[in-house]
Amino acid sequence: MNKSELIDAMAADAGITKAAAKLALESFLGNVGSTLKGGGRVSLVGFGSWSVSNRAARDGRNPQTGDTIKIAAKNVVKFKAGADLEGSVN
């Protein structure tokens, strides 16, 4: 399912226009992004939670040449599925 298919499904399920569903989805994504950027955590009970973790700098290898390269430290987003979501796919 891509973004436009999700918008269509949300509009049909909620009985709202596609424009309203698109606005709601974009608001959700924007708020999740800004919360994570600020170092916060987003948790939807039963669905899952998003958090930011710091990945330390490390040495890596170029697979084509075998040369050692430096990989910079960076923040990464992690998602942990909730029990209801895990149960629905098993």
Protein backbone atom coordinates (compact mmCIF):
# COMPACT_ATOMS: atom_id res chain seq x y z
CA MET A 1 0.00 0.00 0.00
CA ASN A 2 1.40 3.38 -0.96
CA LYS A 3 0.50 6.83 0.38
CA SER A 4 -2.33 7.53 -2.08
CA GLU A 5 -3.88 4.10 -1.46
CA LEU A 6 -3.70 4.74 2.28
CA ILE A 7 -5.42 8.12 1.82
CA ASP A 8 -8.18 6.45 -0.22
CA ALA A 9 -8.67 3.77 2.46
CA MET A 10 -8.73 6.33 5.28
CA ALA A 11 -11.30 8.44 3.43
CA ALA A 12 -13.53 5.43 2.78
CA ASP A 13 -13.29 4.10 6.35
CA ALA A 14 -13.91 7.46 8.02
CA GLY A 15 -16.53 8.68 5.54
CA ILE A 16 -14.55 11.85 4.77
CA THR A 17 -13.18 13.39 1.61
CA LYS A 18 -9.82 12.36 0.20
CA ALA A 19 -8.60 15.93 0.79
CA ALA A 20 -9.47 15.70 4.50
CA ALA A 21 -7.83 12.28 4.77
CA LYS A 22 -4.69 13.59 3.06
CA LEU A 23 -4.57 16.55 5.45
CA ALA A 24 -4.98 14.24 8.46
CA LEU A 25 -2.24 11.88 7.26
CA GLU A 26 0.17 14.72 6.52
CA SER A 27 -0.54 16.21 9.96
CA PHE A 28 0.17 12.85 11.60
CA LEU A 29 3.43 12.37 9.70
CA GLY A 30 4.54 15.94 10.38
CA ASN A 31 3.85 15.67 14.10
CA VAL A 32 5.65 12.34 14.39
CA GLY A 33 8.64 13.77 12.50
CA SER A 34 8.86 16.94 14.59
CA THR A 35 8.52 15.01 17.86
CA LEU A 36 11.32 12.63 16.87
CA LYS A 37 13.49 15.52 15.66
CA GLY A 38 13.11 17.09 19.09
CA GLY A 39 14.35 13.90 20.74
CA GLY A 40 10.91 12.71 21.85
CA ARG A 41 9.14 9.41 21.51
CA VAL A 42 5.78 8.64 19.87
CA SER A 43 3.75 5.75 21.24
CA LEU A 44 0.41 4.43 19.97
CA VAL A 45 -0.72 1.73 22.39
CA GLY A 46 -1.32 -1.53 20.56
CA PHE A 47 0.18 -0.27 17.30
CA GLY A 48 3.77 0.54 18.22
CA SER A 49 6.25 3.23 19.12
CA TRP A 50 8.85 5.30 17.34
CA SER A 51 12.03 6.55 18.99
CA VAL A 52 15.39 8.01 18.02
CA SER A 53 18.63 6.21 18.77
CA ASN A 54 22.20 7.35 18.19
CA ARG A 55 24.35 5.11 16.05
CA ALA A 56 28.05 5.60 16.92
CA ALA A 57 30.75 6.25 14.35
CA ARG A 58 32.47 3.09 13.18
CA ASP A 59 34.82 1.62 10.62
CA GLY A 60 33.35 -0.18 7.66
CA ARG A 61 34.52 -1.82 4.47
CA ASN A 62 33.94 -0.91 0.87
CA PRO A 63 32.57 -4.18 -0.55
CA GLN A 64 34.02 -3.54 -4.01
CA THR A 65 37.59 -2.72 -2.99
CA GLY A 66 37.85 -4.05 0.56
CA ASP A 67 39.24 -0.69 1.74
CA THR A 68 38.43 0.48 5.27
CA ILE A 69 36.16 3.53 5.38
CA LYS A 70 34.90 5.73 8.22
CA ILE A 71 31.13 5.70 8.76
CA ALA A 72 29.94 8.83 10.57
CA ALA A 73 27.75 8.78 13.67
CA LYS A 74 24.08 9.53 13.06
CA ASN A 75 20.64 9.42 14.61
CA VAL A 76 18.33 6.67 13.40
CA VAL A 77 14.60 6.16 13.82
CA LYS A 78 13.51 2.90 15.41
CA PHE A 79 10.03 1.39 15.36
CA LYS A 80 8.87 -1.29 17.77
CA ALA A 81 5.58 -2.94 16.89
CA GLY A 82 2.93 -3.23 19.59
CA ALA A 83 1.30 -6.45 20.70
CA ASP A 84 -1.95 -5.85 18.75
CA LEU A 85 -0.07 -5.19 15.50
CA GLU A 86 2.16 -8.22 15.95
CA GLY A 87 -0.87 -10.37 16.73
CA SER A 88 -2.71 -9.20 13.62
CA VAL A 89 0.04 -10.40 11.25
CA ASN A 90 0.57 -13.79 12.85
